[in-house]
Amino acid sequence: MIATGGRAFIPDIPGSEHAITSDETLELDECPKRVCVVGSGFIALEFAGVFAAFGAHVDLVYRQELPLRGFDEEVRAFSQSQLSEKVRLK
């Protein structure tokens, strides 16, 4: 799943035929065993948490040191500490 904020889109990169956006995520018939979420906005974090709660192995990939750019630093640090217990951060 790619969740970069703004409009949902899939970039033209190798392997993109296997990617879905947050829109298609809501239409899955079953939870995948493994998911890689790209992005660290609140929607990306929400889906990462949902997949993890359903038992999927989740990798969360983002560019910044902390998730939730633009949020309060304490909220960002707390979110990262909570996420690190449930998903693999990259």
Protein backbone atom coordinates (compact mmCIF):
# COMPACT_ATOMS: atom_id res chain seq x y z
CA MET A 1 0.00 0.00 0.00
CA ILE A 2 1.32 3.46 -0.83
CA ALA A 3 0.00 6.32 1.32
CA THR A 4 1.96 9.46 0.55
CA GLY A 5 -0.76 11.98 1.35
CA GLY A 6 -2.85 14.12 -0.96
CA ARG A 7 -4.37 12.06 -3.73
CA ALA A 8 -3.88 8.33 -3.74
CA PHE A 9 -1.70 7.24 -6.65
CA ILE A 10 0.73 4.51 -7.61
CA PRO A 11 3.97 5.72 -9.19
CA ASP A 12 5.28 4.05 -12.34
CA ILE A 13 8.04 1.96 -10.74
CA PRO A 14 9.06 -1.69 -11.03
CA GLY A 15 6.66 -3.84 -9.02
CA SER A 16 3.88 -1.25 -9.01
CA GLU A 17 1.51 -3.83 -10.47
CA HIS A 18 1.46 -5.37 -6.97
CA ALA A 19 0.64 -2.08 -5.20
CA ILE A 20 -2.74 -0.76 -4.09
CA THR A 21 -3.79 2.55 -2.59
CA SER A 22 -5.76 3.14 0.58
CA ASP A 23 -8.92 3.18 -1.57
CA GLU A 24 -8.44 -0.42 -2.75
CA THR A 25 -7.35 -1.52 0.72
CA LEU A 26 -10.93 -1.18 1.92
CA GLU A 27 -12.07 -3.66 -0.74
CA LEU A 28 -9.74 -6.55 0.16
CA ASP A 29 -11.54 -9.86 0.75
CA GLU A 30 -8.98 -10.96 3.35
CA CYS A 31 -6.04 -9.55 5.24
CA PRO A 32 -2.70 -10.16 3.53
CA LYS A 33 -0.01 -11.99 5.48
CA ARG A 34 2.58 -9.32 4.72
CA VAL A 35 2.15 -5.61 3.92
CA CYS A 36 4.53 -2.75 3.18
CA VAL A 37 3.01 0.67 3.82
CA VAL A 38 4.87 3.58 2.21
CA GLY A 39 4.24 6.92 3.91
CA SER A 40 3.83 8.24 7.44
CA GLY A 41 0.71 10.37 7.43
CA PHE A 42 -2.19 9.53 9.68
CA ILE A 43 -3.91 7.38 7.04
CA ALA A 44 -0.74 5.32 6.47
CA LEU A 45 -0.29 4.84 10.22
CA GLU A 46 -3.93 3.92 10.65
CA PHE A 47 -3.76 1.23 7.97
CA ALA A 48 -0.43 -0.07 9.28
CA GLY A 49 -2.02 -0.46 12.71
CA VAL A 50 -5.14 -2.13 11.32
CA PHE A 51 -3.13 -4.64 9.30
CA ALA A 52 -0.92 -5.39 12.31
CA ALA A 53 -3.98 -5.85 14.53
CA PHE A 54 -5.30 -8.43 12.06
CA GLY A 55 -2.03 -10.33 12.26
CA ALA A 56 -0.19 -9.17 9.14
CA HIS A 57 3.57 -8.63 9.19
CA VAL A 58 3.80 -4.88 8.47
CA ASP A 59 6.77 -2.88 7.20
CA LEU A 60 6.25 0.89 7.41
CA VAL A 61 8.59 2.93 5.20
CA TYR A 62 9.01 6.70 5.40
CA ARG A 63 11.67 9.35 4.76
CA GLN A 64 11.58 11.41 7.91
CA GLU A 65 13.14 10.59 11.28
CA LEU A 66 9.64 10.49 12.81
CA PRO A 67 6.20 9.81 11.31
CA LEU A 68 3.38 12.37 11.07
CA ARG A 69 5.25 15.36 9.61
CA GLY A 70 3.60 18.60 10.67
CA PHE A 71 2.32 17.21 13.97
CA ASP A 72 3.58 18.12 17.44
CA GLU A 73 7.00 16.56 18.14
CA GLU A 74 5.76 14.78 21.28
CA VAL A 75 2.90 13.23 19.32
CA ARG A 76 5.31 12.15 16.57
CA ALA A 77 7.75 10.56 19.05
CA PHE A 78 4.94 8.81 20.95
CA SER A 79 3.43 7.51 17.70
CA GLN A 80 6.78 6.11 16.61
CA SER A 81 7.34 4.38 19.96
CA GLN A 82 3.88 2.81 19.84
CA LEU A 83 4.23 1.76 16.22
CA SER A 84 7.63 0.18 16.77
CA GLU A 85 5.96 -2.34 19.08
CA LYS A 86 3.57 -3.45 16.33
CA VAL A 87 5.20 -2.86 12.95
CA ARG A 88 8.69 -2.86 11.47
CA LEU A 89 9.84 0.72 10.80
CA LYS A 90 12.21 1.44 7.92
